[in-house]
Amino acid sequence: MNPLVRWLKSMRHAYEGIQYALTTQPNMKFHFFASFAVLVSALFFRLPRTDILLLLLAITLVIVTELINTGIEKTVDLAMPNLHPLAKIAKDVAAAAVLVTAVFAAAVGVAVFYTPIERWVTRWEHPEVPLSIGSVWLYLTLVVLAVIVVETRFRNSSRIRPSLWMAVAVSFSTLIILKSADTLVALLAIGMSGLFLVMLYEKQGRSLGGLLAGGVLGAVLTVLAFFLGR
């Protein structure tokens, strides 16, 4: 066989492997979405070349380990279709590799984006709006009512039906960000919302689209209500 043809066939098989993982593995879909968001943010903040290379390294490690994890899972299923302690150990260790690289990627993201985000936040005048417990309840009520209406509208489409819990969590985080002039506090609030998203995604089986839709609704409605009250 011609070496070029053989190389092209290998590339096609590799591409099919990526397609399979992206189609069948929810975690891979999340990694691809997060990678896209990170790269768009890198362009927005005009990060230097070194920071971009670090982000690309972190993204590559996460995706590669997820692909290896998928390959190990399918190999174990083929060799041991029934439940076995050793099969569980093999899958758990492979998943642990993905977790380690994901933590590394998160640490890289915080280190790279902290200073650009801090500079960007300090450019804007911090709104001085008194935030009382009554106004907080008002904002949350508006968010809950709006999400329930939208959720009812898309009740037959589980992929884009917004998550009420995610909307409320992001609404809280948005209020913290709006009332705090500290960039670290804002990043911690965003991180808590991110952890809540991962928890709902893994434990409750909600679609990524529905969780993101709930988060976007919560953030947008809270910001609008907040600034309308100025």
C-alpha atoms as a PDB file:
ATOM      1  CA  MET A   1       0.000   0.000   0.000  1.00  0.00           C
ATOM      2  CA  ASN A   2       1.187   3.480  -0.811  1.00  0.00           C
ATOM      3  CA  PRO A   3       2.603   5.138   2.351  1.00  0.00           C
ATOM      4  CA  LEU A   4       0.545   8.266   1.711  1.00  0.00           C
ATOM      5  CA  VAL A   5      -2.653   6.242   1.374  1.00  0.00           C
ATOM      6  CA  ARG A   6      -1.825   4.324   4.543  1.00  0.00           C
ATOM      7  CA  TRP A   7      -1.197   7.581   6.403  1.00  0.00           C
ATOM      8  CA  LEU A   8      -4.490   9.047   5.179  1.00  0.00           C
ATOM      9  CA  LYS A   9      -6.351   5.915   6.310  1.00  0.00           C
ATOM     10  CA  SER A  10      -4.720   6.195   9.733  1.00  0.00           C
ATOM     11  CA  MET A  11      -5.794   9.812   9.961  1.00  0.00           C
ATOM     12  CA  ARG A  12      -9.346   8.873   9.025  1.00  0.00           C
ATOM     13  CA  HIS A  13      -9.460   6.147  11.680  1.00  0.00           C
ATOM     14  CA  ALA A  14      -8.142   8.591  14.263  1.00  0.00           C
ATOM     15  CA  TYR A  15     -10.779  11.121  13.267  1.00  0.00           C
ATOM     16  CA  GLU A  16     -13.475   8.452  13.593  1.00  0.00           C
ATOM     17  CA  GLY A  17     -12.186   7.751  17.095  1.00  0.00           C
ATOM     18  CA  ILE A  18     -12.570  11.390  18.043  1.00  0.00           C
ATOM     19  CA  GLN A  19     -16.064  11.437  16.519  1.00  0.00           C
ATOM     20  CA  TYR A  20     -17.049   8.322  18.469  1.00  0.00           C
ATOM     21  CA  ALA A  21     -15.818   9.748  21.784  1.00  0.00           C
ATOM     22  CA  LEU A  22     -17.475  13.093  21.126  1.00  0.00           C
ATOM     23  CA  THR A  23     -20.753  11.433  20.164  1.00  0.00           C
ATOM     24  CA  THR A  24     -20.997   8.844  22.943  1.00  0.00           C
ATOM     25  CA  GLN A  25     -19.098  10.364  25.891  1.00  0.00           C
ATOM     26  CA  PRO A  26     -20.835  13.235  27.730  1.00  0.00           C
ATOM     27  CA  ASN A  27     -17.574  14.235  29.412  1.00  0.00           C
ATOM     28  CA  MET A  28     -15.909  14.679  26.029  1.00  0.00           C
ATOM     29  CA  LYS A  29     -18.699  17.016  24.941  1.00  0.00           C
ATOM     30  CA  PHE A  30     -18.135  19.060  28.079  1.00  0.00           C
ATOM     31  CA  HIS A  31     -14.366  19.174  27.473  1.00  0.00           C
ATOM     32  CA  PHE A  32     -14.854  20.367  23.900  1.00  0.00           C
ATOM     33  CA  PHE A  33     -17.293  23.075  24.964  1.00  0.00           C
ATOM     34  CA  ALA A  34     -14.987  24.220  27.769  1.00  0.00           C
ATOM     35  CA  SER A  35     -12.029  24.270  25.368  1.00  0.00           C
ATOM     36  CA  PHE A  36     -13.989  26.393  22.904  1.00  0.00           C
ATOM     37  CA  ALA A  37     -14.986  28.840  25.645  1.00  0.00           C
ATOM     38  CA  VAL A  38     -11.396  29.063  26.908  1.00  0.00           C
ATOM     39  CA  LEU A  39      -9.969  29.750  23.451  1.00  0.00           C
ATOM     40  CA  VAL A  40     -12.586  32.422  22.734  1.00  0.00           C
ATOM     41  CA  SER A  41     -11.754  34.027  26.095  1.00  0.00           C
ATOM     42  CA  ALA A  42      -8.052  33.937  25.202  1.00  0.00           C
ATOM     43  CA  LEU A  43      -8.824  35.885  22.032  1.00  0.00           C
ATOM     44  CA  PHE A  44     -11.039  38.332  23.925  1.00  0.00           C
ATOM     45  CA  PHE A  45      -8.355  39.116  26.508  1.00  0.00           C
ATOM     46  CA  ARG A  46      -5.580  39.039  23.877  1.00  0.00           C
ATOM     47  CA  LEU A  47      -3.389  36.741  25.919  1.00  0.00           C
ATOM     48  CA  PRO A  48       0.327  36.532  25.114  1.00  0.00           C
ATOM     49  CA  ARG A  49       1.722  33.596  23.177  1.00  0.00           C
ATOM     50  CA  THR A  50       3.146  31.842  26.248  1.00  0.00           C
ATOM     51  CA  ASP A  51      -0.224  31.831  28.031  1.00  0.00           C
ATOM     52  CA  ILE A  52      -1.961  30.526  24.911  1.00  0.00           C
ATOM     53  CA  LEU A  53       0.577  27.709  24.662  1.00  0.00           C
ATOM     54  CA  LEU A  54      -0.094  26.786  28.304  1.00  0.00           C
ATOM     55  CA  LEU A  55      -3.841  26.717  27.624  1.00  0.00           C
ATOM     56  CA  LEU A  56      -3.339  24.573  24.527  1.00  0.00           C
ATOM     57  CA  LEU A  57      -1.173  22.176  26.541  1.00  0.00           C
ATOM     58  CA  ALA A  58      -3.823  21.857  29.252  1.00  0.00           C
ATOM     59  CA  ILE A  59      -6.608  21.363  26.688  1.00  0.00           C
ATOM     60  CA  THR A  60      -4.581  18.729  24.829  1.00  0.00           C
ATOM     61  CA  LEU A  61      -3.821  16.787  28.007  1.00  0.00           C
ATOM     62  CA  VAL A  62      -7.480  16.713  29.051  1.00  0.00           C
ATOM     63  CA  ILE A  63      -8.728  15.573  25.633  1.00  0.00           C
ATOM     64  CA  VAL A  64      -5.967  12.973  25.204  1.00  0.00           C
ATOM     65  CA  THR A  65      -6.566  11.440  28.634  1.00  0.00           C
ATOM     66  CA  GLU A  66     -10.321  11.370  27.968  1.00  0.00           C
ATOM     67  CA  LEU A  67      -9.681   9.522  24.688  1.00  0.00           C
ATOM     68  CA  ILE A  68      -7.391   7.044  26.460  1.00  0.00           C
ATOM     69  CA  ASN A  69      -9.992   6.611  29.193  1.00  0.00           C
ATOM     70  CA  THR A  70     -12.656   5.827  26.585  1.00  0.00           C
ATOM     71  CA  GLY A  71     -10.367   3.302  24.882  1.00  0.00           C
ATOM     72  CA  ILE A  72      -9.603   1.573  28.203  1.00  0.00           C
ATOM     73  CA  GLU A  73     -13.292   1.426  29.117  1.00  0.00           C
ATOM     74  CA  LYS A  74     -14.236  -0.216  25.815  1.00  0.00           C
ATOM     75  CA  THR A  75     -11.319  -2.651  26.025  1.00  0.00           C
ATOM     76  CA  VAL A  76     -12.304  -3.676  29.556  1.00  0.00           C
ATOM     77  CA  ASP A  77     -15.941  -4.105  28.484  1.00  0.00           C
ATOM     78  CA  LEU A  78     -14.823  -6.344  25.630  1.00  0.00           C
ATOM     79  CA  ALA A  79     -12.521  -8.458  27.795  1.00  0.00           C
ATOM     80  CA  MET A  80     -14.814  -8.589  30.840  1.00  0.00           C
ATOM     81  CA  PRO A  81     -18.491  -7.973  29.976  1.00  0.00           C
ATOM     82  CA  ASN A  82     -19.571  -8.997  33.482  1.00  0.00           C
ATOM     83  CA  LEU A  83     -18.866  -7.078  36.680  1.00  0.00           C
ATOM     84  CA  HIS A  84     -15.417  -7.755  38.104  1.00  0.00           C
ATOM     85  CA  PRO A  85     -13.364  -5.963  40.797  1.00  0.00           C
ATOM     86  CA  LEU A  86     -10.298  -5.726  38.550  1.00  0.00           C
ATOM     87  CA  ALA A  87     -12.371  -4.270  35.713  1.00  0.00           C
ATOM     88  CA  LYS A  88     -13.691  -1.625  38.093  1.00  0.00           C
ATOM     89  CA  ILE A  89     -10.169  -0.776  39.230  1.00  0.00           C
ATOM     90  CA  ALA A  90      -8.990  -0.378  35.620  1.00  0.00           C
ATOM     91  CA  LYS A  91     -11.859   1.999  34.821  1.00  0.00           C
ATOM     92  CA  ASP A  92     -11.462   3.955  38.052  1.00  0.00           C
ATOM     93  CA  VAL A  93      -7.721   4.456  37.512  1.00  0.00           C
ATOM     94  CA  ALA A  94      -8.308   5.612  33.931  1.00  0.00           C
ATOM     95  CA  ALA A  95     -10.962   8.055  35.150  1.00  0.00           C
ATOM     96  CA  ALA A  96      -8.552   9.281  37.826  1.00  0.00           C
ATOM     97  CA  ALA A  97      -6.072  10.195  35.090  1.00  0.00           C
ATOM     98  CA  VAL A  98      -8.733  12.392  33.488  1.00  0.00           C
ATOM     99  CA  LEU A  99      -9.496  13.991  36.853  1.00  0.00           C
ATOM    100  CA  VAL A 100      -5.835  14.836  37.496  1.00  0.00           C
ATOM    101  CA  THR A 101      -5.435  16.496  34.087  1.00  0.00           C
ATOM    102  CA  ALA A 102      -8.734  18.361  34.524  1.00  0.00           C
ATOM    103  CA  VAL A 103      -7.524  19.777  37.861  1.00  0.00           C
ATOM    104  CA  PHE A 104      -4.258  20.789  36.194  1.00  0.00           C
ATOM    105  CA  ALA A 105      -6.201  22.484  33.373  1.00  0.00           C
ATOM    106  CA  ALA A 106      -8.355  24.363  35.898  1.00  0.00           C
ATOM    107  CA  ALA A 107      -5.231  25.546  37.747  1.00  0.00           C
ATOM    108  CA  VAL A 108      -3.689  26.732  34.478  1.00  0.00           C
ATOM    109  CA  GLY A 109      -6.883  28.573  33.574  1.00  0.00           C
ATOM    110  CA  VAL A 110      -6.995  30.412  36.912  1.00  0.00           C
ATOM    111  CA  ALA A 111      -3.303  31.335  36.700  1.00  0.00           C
ATOM    112  CA  VAL A 112      -3.601  32.589  33.126  1.00  0.00           C
ATOM    113  CA  PHE A 113      -6.897  34.449  33.299  1.00  0.00           C
ATOM    114  CA  TYR A 114      -6.719  35.975  36.776  1.00  0.00           C
ATOM    115  CA  THR A 115      -4.677  39.078  35.894  1.00  0.00           C
ATOM    116  CA  PRO A 116      -6.485  39.847  32.574  1.00  0.00           C
ATOM    117  CA  ILE A 117      -9.878  39.497  34.252  1.00  0.00           C
ATOM    118  CA  GLU A 118      -8.781  41.718  37.139  1.00  0.00           C
ATOM    119  CA  ARG A 119      -7.624  44.416  34.719  1.00  0.00           C
ATOM    120  CA  TRP A 120     -10.857  44.160  32.752  1.00  0.00           C
ATOM    121  CA  VAL A 121     -13.040  44.381  35.859  1.00  0.00           C
ATOM    122  CA  THR A 122     -11.220  47.439  37.231  1.00  0.00           C
ATOM    123  CA  ARG A 123     -11.939  49.308  34.001  1.00  0.00           C
ATOM    124  CA  TRP A 124     -15.616  49.537  34.868  1.00  0.00           C
ATOM    125  CA  GLU A 125     -17.165  51.686  37.534  1.00  0.00           C
ATOM    126  CA  HIS A 126     -18.488  49.545  40.337  1.00  0.00           C
ATOM    127  CA  PRO A 127     -22.246  50.126  40.710  1.00  0.00           C
ATOM    128  CA  GLU A 128     -23.215  51.456  44.107  1.00  0.00           C
ATOM    129  CA  VAL A 129     -26.645  49.948  44.583  1.00  0.00           C
ATOM    130  CA  PRO A 130     -27.902  48.970  48.056  1.00  0.00           C
ATOM    131  CA  LEU A 131     -28.654  45.266  48.058  1.00  0.00           C
ATOM    132  CA  SER A 132     -31.188  44.270  50.694  1.00  0.00           C
ATOM    133  CA  ILE A 133     -32.657  40.874  51.487  1.00  0.00           C
ATOM    134  CA  GLY A 134     -35.909  42.086  49.942  1.00  0.00           C
ATOM    135  CA  SER A 135     -34.273  42.971  46.638  1.00  0.00           C
ATOM    136  CA  VAL A 136     -32.448  39.618  46.613  1.00  0.00           C
ATOM    137  CA  TRP A 137     -35.750  37.793  46.992  1.00  0.00           C
ATOM    138  CA  LEU A 138     -37.220  39.960  44.239  1.00  0.00           C
ATOM    139  CA  TYR A 139     -34.395  39.113  41.830  1.00  0.00           C
ATOM    140  CA  LEU A 140     -34.616  35.404  42.610  1.00  0.00           C
ATOM    141  CA  THR A 141     -38.400  35.416  42.233  1.00  0.00           C
ATOM    142  CA  LEU A 142     -38.090  37.005  38.794  1.00  0.00           C
ATOM    143  CA  VAL A 143     -35.490  34.416  37.788  1.00  0.00           C
ATOM    144  CA  VAL A 144     -37.563  31.491  39.079  1.00  0.00           C
ATOM    145  CA  LEU A 145     -40.763  32.646  37.387  1.00  0.00           C
ATOM    146  CA  ALA A 146     -39.033  33.324  34.067  1.00  0.00           C
ATOM    147  CA  VAL A 147     -37.208  29.981  34.062  1.00  0.00           C
ATOM    148  CA  ILE A 148     -40.413  28.099  34.906  1.00  0.00           C
ATOM    149  CA  VAL A 149     -42.152  29.761  31.945  1.00  0.00           C
ATOM    150  CA  VAL A 150     -39.281  28.949  29.572  1.00  0.00           C
ATOM    151  CA  GLU A 151     -38.926  25.444  31.003  1.00  0.00           C
ATOM    152  CA  THR A 152     -42.629  24.823  30.391  1.00  0.00           C
ATOM    153  CA  ARG A 153     -42.257  26.110  26.846  1.00  0.00           C
ATOM    154  CA  PHE A 154     -39.449  23.630  26.131  1.00  0.00           C
ATOM    155  CA  ARG A 155     -40.721  20.779  28.328  1.00  0.00           C
ATOM    156  CA  ASN A 156     -40.598  18.328  25.401  1.00  0.00           C
ATOM    157  CA  SER A 157     -37.003  19.191  24.548  1.00  0.00           C
ATOM    158  CA  SER A 158     -34.789  17.935  27.379  1.00  0.00           C
ATOM    159  CA  ARG A 159     -31.590  19.097  25.688  1.00  0.00           C
ATOM    160  CA  ILE A 160     -32.412  22.803  25.794  1.00  0.00           C
ATOM    161  CA  ARG A 161     -34.923  22.892  28.668  1.00  0.00           C
ATOM    162  CA  PRO A 162     -33.263  25.274  31.170  1.00  0.00           C
ATOM    163  CA  SER A 163     -32.342  24.011  34.615  1.00  0.00           C
ATOM    164  CA  LEU A 164     -34.039  25.919  37.424  1.00  0.00           C
ATOM    165  CA  TRP A 165     -31.385  24.978  40.000  1.00  0.00           C
ATOM    166  CA  MET A 166     -28.611  26.155  37.698  1.00  0.00           C
ATOM    167  CA  ALA A 167     -30.412  29.442  37.069  1.00  0.00           C
ATOM    168  CA  VAL A 168     -30.732  30.102  40.810  1.00  0.00           C
ATOM    169  CA  ALA A 169     -27.086  29.198  41.482  1.00  0.00           C
ATOM    170  CA  VAL A 170     -25.829  31.488  38.720  1.00  0.00           C
ATOM    171  CA  SER A 171     -28.161  34.247  39.915  1.00  0.00           C
ATOM    172  CA  PHE A 172     -26.525  34.099  43.358  1.00  0.00           C
ATOM    173  CA  SER A 173     -23.060  34.145  41.790  1.00  0.00           C
ATOM    174  CA  THR A 174     -24.014  37.087  39.580  1.00  0.00           C
ATOM    175  CA  LEU A 175     -25.206  39.112  42.567  1.00  0.00           C
ATOM    176  CA  ILE A 176     -21.930  38.399  44.365  1.00  0.00           C
ATOM    177  CA  ILE A 177     -19.960  39.529  41.314  1.00  0.00           C
ATOM    178  CA  LEU A 178     -22.018  42.692  40.889  1.00  0.00           C
ATOM    179  CA  LYS A 179     -21.649  43.718  44.531  1.00  0.00           C
ATOM    180  CA  SER A 180     -17.979  42.846  44.958  1.00  0.00           C
ATOM    181  CA  ALA A 181     -15.100  44.904  43.627  1.00  0.00           C
ATOM    182  CA  ASP A 182     -12.706  42.054  44.424  1.00  0.00           C
ATOM    183  CA  THR A 183     -11.745  39.984  41.379  1.00  0.00           C
ATOM    184  CA  LEU A 184     -10.827  36.983  43.520  1.00  0.00           C
ATOM    185  CA  VAL A 185     -14.291  36.955  45.092  1.00  0.00           C
ATOM    186  CA  ALA A 186     -15.831  37.090  41.616  1.00  0.00           C
ATOM    187  CA  LEU A 187     -13.683  34.178  40.433  1.00  0.00           C
ATOM    188  CA  LEU A 188     -14.623  32.142  43.497  1.00  0.00           C
ATOM    189  CA  ALA A 189     -18.310  32.797  42.785  1.00  0.00           C
ATOM    190  CA  ILE A 190     -17.855  31.683  39.176  1.00  0.00           C
ATOM    191  CA  GLY A 191     -15.952  28.612  40.370  1.00  0.00           C
ATOM    192  CA  MET A 192     -18.774  27.637  42.725  1.00  0.00           C
ATOM    193  CA  SER A 193     -21.273  27.894  39.881  1.00  0.00           C
ATOM    194  CA  GLY A 194     -18.973  25.771  37.741  1.00  0.00           C
ATOM    195  CA  LEU A 195     -18.772  23.094  40.426  1.00  0.00           C
ATOM    196  CA  PHE A 196     -22.555  23.158  40.782  1.00  0.00           C
ATOM    197  CA  LEU A 197     -22.883  22.709  37.013  1.00  0.00           C
ATOM    198  CA  VAL A 198     -20.586  19.685  37.079  1.00  0.00           C
ATOM    199  CA  MET A 199     -22.497  18.195  40.017  1.00  0.00           C
ATOM    200  CA  LEU A 200     -25.874  18.535  38.280  1.00  0.00           C
ATOM    201  CA  TYR A 201     -24.393  17.235  35.036  1.00  0.00           C
ATOM    202  CA  GLU A 202     -22.962  14.104  36.614  1.00  0.00           C
ATOM    203  CA  LYS A 203     -25.390  13.285  39.412  1.00  0.00           C
ATOM    204  CA  GLN A 204     -28.747  14.279  37.946  1.00  0.00           C
ATOM    205  CA  GLY A 205     -28.043  13.502  34.301  1.00  0.00           C
ATOM    206  CA  ARG A 206     -29.187  16.899  33.039  1.00  0.00           C
ATOM    207  CA  SER A 207     -28.098  17.817  29.531  1.00  0.00           C
ATOM    208  CA  LEU A 208     -25.252  20.289  29.139  1.00  0.00           C
ATOM    209  CA  GLY A 209     -27.458  22.473  26.938  1.00  0.00           C
ATOM    210  CA  GLY A 210     -30.171  22.665  29.584  1.00  0.00           C
ATOM    211  CA  LEU A 211     -27.702  23.537  32.324  1.00  0.00           C
ATOM    212  CA  LEU A 212     -26.054  26.227  30.222  1.00  0.00           C
ATOM    213  CA  ALA A 213     -29.448  27.618  29.224  1.00  0.00           C
ATOM    214  CA  GLY A 214     -30.425  27.852  32.889  1.00  0.00           C
ATOM    215  CA  GLY A 215     -27.143  29.550  33.755  1.00  0.00           C
ATOM    216  CA  VAL A 216     -27.457  32.091  30.957  1.00  0.00           C
ATOM    217  CA  LEU A 217     -31.040  32.900  31.919  1.00  0.00           C
ATOM    218  CA  GLY A 218     -30.089  33.297  35.569  1.00  0.00           C
ATOM    219  CA  ALA A 219     -27.203  35.625  34.775  1.00  0.00           C
ATOM    220  CA  VAL A 220     -28.997  37.760  32.185  1.00  0.00           C
ATOM    221  CA  LEU A 221     -32.189  38.209  34.221  1.00  0.00           C
ATOM    222  CA  THR A 222     -30.264  39.052  37.385  1.00  0.00           C
ATOM    223  CA  VAL A 223     -28.106  41.641  35.616  1.00  0.00           C
ATOM    224  CA  LEU A 224     -31.154  43.257  33.994  1.00  0.00           C
ATOM    225  CA  ALA A 225     -33.085  43.382  37.262  1.00  0.00           C
ATOM    226  CA  PHE A 226     -30.034  44.676  39.129  1.00  0.00           C
ATOM    227  CA  PHE A 227     -29.374  47.593  36.798  1.00  0.00           C
ATOM    228  CA  LEU A 228     -33.053  48.433  36.396  1.00  0.00           C
ATOM    229  CA  GLY A 229     -33.078  49.021  40.154  1.00  0.00           C
ATOM    230  CA  ARG A 230     -30.305  51.634  39.979  1.00  0.00           C
END
